[in-house]
Protein backbone atom coordinates (compact mmCIF):
# COMPACT_ATOMS: atom_id res chain seq x y z
CA MET A 1 -35.43 16.44 70.88
CA LYS A 2 -34.67 12.94 69.61
CA LYS A 3 -36.36 13.76 66.30
CA ARG A 4 -34.09 16.78 65.77
CA VAL A 5 -30.99 14.75 66.61
CA GLY A 6 -32.06 12.11 64.07
CA ILE A 7 -32.54 14.69 61.33
CA LEU A 8 -29.16 16.29 62.06
CA LEU A 9 -27.51 12.84 61.99
CA VAL A 10 -29.02 12.07 58.57
CA PHE A 11 -27.77 15.39 57.15
CA ALA A 12 -24.35 14.78 58.70
CA LEU A 13 -24.11 11.36 57.04
CA LEU A 14 -25.16 12.80 53.69
CA PHE A 15 -22.56 15.56 53.98
CA ILE A 16 -19.83 13.07 54.88
CA GLY A 17 -20.82 10.87 51.90
CA PHE A 18 -20.78 13.88 49.56
CA LEU A 19 -17.39 14.98 50.88
CA ALA A 20 -15.90 11.49 50.47
CA ASN A 21 -17.26 11.15 46.92
CA TRP A 22 -16.01 14.61 45.91
CA THR A 23 -12.54 13.93 47.34
CA TYR A 24 -12.29 10.62 45.47
CA SER A 25 -13.38 12.21 42.17
CA TYR A 26 -10.95 15.10 42.63
CA TYR A 27 -7.91 12.89 43.11
CA GLN A 28 -8.99 10.60 40.27
CA GLY A 29 -9.04 13.61 37.99
CA LEU A 30 -5.45 14.44 38.88
CA GLU A 31 -4.17 11.09 37.65
CA GLU A 32 -2.73 10.87 34.12
CA ALA A 33 -4.94 9.38 31.45
CA TYR A 34 -3.94 5.84 30.51
CA ILE A 35 -4.96 3.91 27.43
CA PRO A 36 -4.11 0.22 27.52
CA ILE A 37 -1.90 -0.93 24.64
CA HIS A 38 -3.13 -4.04 22.89
CA GLU A 39 -0.85 -6.48 21.20
CA ALA A 40 -0.88 -6.44 17.41
CA SER A 41 -2.30 -9.95 17.37
CA ASP A 42 -5.40 -8.70 19.19
CA ILE A 43 -6.23 -6.12 16.52
CA LEU A 44 -7.75 -7.01 13.18
CA VAL A 45 -5.55 -5.36 10.54
CA ILE A 46 -6.67 -4.79 6.96
CA PRO A 47 -3.60 -5.39 4.74
CA SER A 48 -4.62 -2.77 2.19
CA GLU A 49 -4.76 -0.15 4.95
CA LYS A 50 -1.60 -1.27 6.73
CA LYS A 51 0.88 -1.62 3.88
CA VAL A 52 0.55 1.97 2.70
CA PHE A 53 2.55 2.99 5.78
CA GLU A 54 5.30 0.35 5.54
CA ARG A 55 7.82 2.61 3.75
CA SER A 56 6.89 5.76 5.67
CA GLY A 57 10.35 5.84 7.27
CA TYR A 58 11.84 6.69 3.86
CA ALA A 59 9.38 9.50 3.07
CA LEU A 60 11.56 12.42 4.16
CA ASP A 61 14.61 10.85 2.51
CA TYR A 62 12.68 10.68 -0.76
CA LEU A 63 11.52 14.28 -0.33
CA ASN A 64 15.05 15.62 0.08
CA MET A 65 16.66 13.33 -2.49
CA PRO A 66 17.88 15.01 -5.71
CA VAL A 67 16.46 13.68 -8.96
CA ASP A 68 18.94 11.66 -11.01
CA GLU A 69 17.89 12.60 -14.54
CA ASN A 70 20.44 10.23 -16.11
CA HIS A 71 18.84 7.12 -14.63
CA GLN A 72 15.13 7.93 -14.64
CA ARG A 73 12.64 5.22 -15.58
CA THR A 74 9.92 6.34 -17.99
CA LEU A 75 6.31 5.34 -18.38
CA ASP A 76 7.01 3.79 -21.80
CA THR A 77 9.64 1.43 -20.43
CA TYR A 78 7.41 0.73 -17.46
CA TYR A 79 4.56 -0.58 -19.64
CA ASN A 80 6.79 -2.20 -22.28
CA ASN A 81 8.03 -4.48 -19.52
CA ARG A 82 4.50 -5.85 -19.02
CA ALA A 83 2.34 -8.07 -21.18
CA TYR A 84 -0.63 -5.81 -20.37
CA PRO A 85 -1.40 -3.07 -17.81
CA GLY A 86 -1.60 -4.66 -14.38
CA ALA A 87 0.48 -7.71 -15.32
CA PRO A 88 3.56 -8.55 -13.24
CA PRO A 89 6.65 -6.94 -14.79
CA SER A 90 9.09 -9.27 -16.48
CA ILE A 91 12.69 -9.58 -15.32
CA PRO A 92 14.85 -7.51 -17.69
CA HIS A 93 18.16 -9.07 -16.66
CA PRO A 94 19.52 -12.64 -16.51
CA VAL A 95 18.81 -14.64 -13.36
CA LYS A 96 20.56 -17.80 -12.27
CA GLU A 97 17.94 -20.51 -12.25
CA LYS A 98 18.91 -22.04 -8.91
CA LEU A 99 19.18 -18.69 -7.18
CA GLY A 100 16.20 -16.92 -8.68
CA MET A 101 13.38 -17.94 -6.36
CA GLY A 102 13.40 -14.78 -4.27
CA SER A 103 14.22 -14.64 -0.57
CA ASN A 104 17.64 -13.07 -0.04
CA ILE A 105 18.47 -13.13 -3.76
CA CYS A 106 15.90 -10.81 -5.33
CA LEU A 107 15.37 -8.79 -2.17
CA GLN A 108 19.03 -7.82 -2.00
CA CYS A 109 18.26 -5.21 -4.65
CA HIS A 110 14.48 -4.93 -4.73
CA GLN A 111 13.54 -4.63 -1.08
CA ASN A 112 14.91 -1.13 -0.55
CA GLY A 113 16.14 -0.21 -4.03
CA GLY A 114 19.47 1.52 -4.56
CA PHE A 115 21.81 1.98 -7.49
CA VAL A 116 23.11 -1.20 -9.13
CA GLU A 117 26.38 -0.55 -10.95
CA LYS A 118 26.16 -3.80 -12.92
CA PHE A 119 23.02 -2.63 -14.72
CA ASN A 120 23.69 1.13 -14.39
CA ALA A 121 20.19 1.68 -13.01
CA TYR A 122 18.19 1.99 -9.82
CA ALA A 123 16.45 -1.20 -8.74
CA PRO A 124 12.67 -0.82 -8.48
CA VAL A 125 11.29 -1.45 -4.98
CA THR A 126 8.83 -4.30 -4.62
CA PRO A 127 5.58 -3.41 -2.85
CA HIS A 128 5.23 -6.97 -1.52
CA PRO A 129 8.61 -8.16 -0.16
CA GLU A 130 6.88 -10.82 1.92
CA MET A 131 6.10 -12.81 -1.25
CA ILE A 132 9.53 -14.33 -1.77
CA ASN A 133 8.68 -16.83 -4.53
CA CYS A 134 9.27 -14.10 -7.10
CA LYS A 135 9.46 -16.24 -10.24
CA GLN A 136 6.01 -17.60 -9.62
CA CYS A 137 4.73 -14.36 -11.18
CA HIS A 138 7.79 -12.64 -12.67
CA VAL A 139 9.47 -14.31 -15.63
CA GLU A 140 12.60 -13.45 -17.55
CA GLN A 141 12.30 -11.60 -20.82
CA GLN A 142 12.67 -13.70 -23.94
CA THR A 143 14.28 -11.46 -26.54
CA LYS A 144 16.46 -13.91 -28.43
CA SER A 145 13.86 -16.54 -29.29
CA THR A 146 11.59 -16.57 -32.32
CA PHE A 147 8.27 -14.88 -31.71
CA VAL A 148 4.99 -16.01 -33.27
CA ALA A 149 2.53 -13.35 -34.34
CA THR A 150 -0.76 -13.37 -32.43
CA ASN A 151 -3.93 -11.30 -32.30
CA PHE A 152 -3.55 -10.68 -28.54
CA TYR A 153 -5.15 -7.36 -27.65
CA LYS A 154 -3.08 -5.29 -25.25
CA LYS A 155 -5.41 -2.98 -23.38
CA PRO A 156 -4.22 0.64 -23.34
CA ALA A 157 -2.65 1.82 -20.12
CA PRO A 158 -4.58 4.30 -17.97
CA GLU A 159 -3.77 7.91 -18.73
CA VAL A 160 -1.92 9.89 -16.10
CA GLY A 161 -3.59 12.82 -14.35
CA VAL A 162 -6.93 12.86 -16.21
CA ASN A 163 -9.17 10.94 -13.83
CA ASN A 164 -9.86 13.71 -11.34
CA ALA A 165 -13.45 14.04 -10.19
CA LEU A 166 -13.13 17.83 -10.33
CA PRO A 167 -10.43 20.18 -11.65
CA GLY A 168 -7.77 20.45 -8.98
CA SER A 169 -9.01 17.51 -6.93
CA PRO A 170 -6.69 14.58 -6.10
CA PRO A 171 -6.55 12.02 -8.92
CA ALA A 172 -8.16 8.65 -8.33
CA ILE A 173 -6.15 5.43 -8.22
CA PRO A 174 -6.52 3.90 -11.71
CA HIS A 175 -5.39 0.38 -10.78
CA GLN A 176 -6.29 -2.40 -8.40
CA LEU A 177 -4.65 -2.38 -4.98
CA GLN A 178 -4.01 -6.09 -4.57
CA MET A 179 -0.25 -6.57 -4.01
CA ARG A 180 0.23 -2.86 -4.80
CA GLU A 181 -0.95 -1.36 -1.52
CA ASN A 182 2.49 0.08 -0.71
CA CYS A 183 2.21 3.37 -2.61
CA LEU A 184 5.70 4.75 -1.97
CA SER A 185 7.28 1.68 -3.56
CA CYS A 186 6.26 2.86 -7.01
CA HIS A 187 5.51 6.56 -6.61
CA ALA A 188 8.59 7.84 -4.74
CA GLY A 189 12.32 7.28 -4.59
CA PRO A 190 15.05 7.25 -7.24
CA ALA A 191 13.63 4.17 -9.00
CA ALA A 192 10.12 5.61 -9.37
CA VAL A 193 8.79 6.20 -12.87
CA LYS A 194 9.25 9.84 -13.80
CA GLU A 195 5.62 10.40 -14.82
CA LEU A 196 4.34 8.70 -11.66
CA TRP A 197 6.68 10.46 -9.23
CA ILE A 198 4.94 12.45 -6.48
CA ASP A 199 6.19 15.63 -4.84
CA HIS A 200 4.66 14.97 -1.40
CA PRO A 201 5.85 11.53 -0.21
CA GLU A 202 5.79 12.76 3.39
CA ARG A 203 1.98 12.62 3.27
CA ILE A 204 2.03 8.90 3.75
CA ASN A 205 -1.70 8.37 4.26
CA CYS A 206 -2.28 8.35 0.51
CA ARG A 207 -5.80 6.95 0.55
CA GLN A 208 -7.00 9.80 2.71
CA CYS A 209 -7.17 11.85 -0.51
CA HIS A 210 -6.76 9.33 -3.35
CA VAL A 211 -9.50 6.73 -3.70
CA PRO A 212 -9.67 3.73 -6.05
CA LYS A 213 -11.46 4.50 -9.29
CA ALA A 214 -14.81 2.74 -9.50
CA GLN A 215 -14.79 0.17 -12.29
CA GLU A 216 -18.00 -0.73 -14.06
CA VAL A 217 -18.53 -4.48 -14.25
CA GLN A 218 -20.77 -6.02 -16.87
CA ASN A 219 -22.44 -9.36 -16.42
CA VAL A 220 -21.27 -11.98 -18.88
CA GLU A 221 -23.55 -14.81 -19.91
CA LEU A 222 -22.56 -18.30 -18.86
CA PHE A 223 -20.60 -20.26 -21.41
CA VAL A 224 -22.50 -23.40 -22.39
CA ARG A 225 -20.85 -26.03 -24.51
CA ALA A 226 -22.89 -27.04 -27.53
CA ASN A 227 -24.33 -30.51 -27.19
CA THR A 228 -22.93 -32.43 -30.13
CA ASN A 229 -24.41 -35.86 -30.67
CA LEU A 230 -21.73 -38.14 -31.99
CA LYS A 231 -23.02 -41.22 -33.77
């Protein structure tokens, strides 16, 4: 008799434990899923991945904006304003020396663009507005001084739309991404170069389809100064 009571008690305890565990799991499943939000400082951010989204708020505005044919920048003027492809563009207008170091001066026009009546043109948008010492890289054009002829070789600019891996595939990015990670700054908006203008700025994750073009690098021998014995 006692043996039967003991067996029944064990089964009763197992059933109660199962029922309690099932009830707990059931009510846990009814609760809403919650994902803790981490502060930005806790997450390692890759600048080249982050900056492509910085102007995403303007994407739909760019998509619905009519094209101003009378004030379009062209690829020729784009490259003529650079010493070589990839070089920082020169400043095509006069700048007061004491007020030309960036910050609120240059960014008044070049942070978000817009039409500038004084120059009758749209101001190009800088892809790196956080670098406020603008004249460290950008210099004013010198068109009134005497030029000296040189044998400087200006590398040809990359051709537009001919670097697809396959016909119909998205073109590769023909330039480096350093300080040019913000794609919409140059490829969308009224100040964008006509030949570089895209028709889908709302697809802001550009590097999901467009990848940097692989550049072949050749090893260069070390430069060794000739040992000249002076007597």
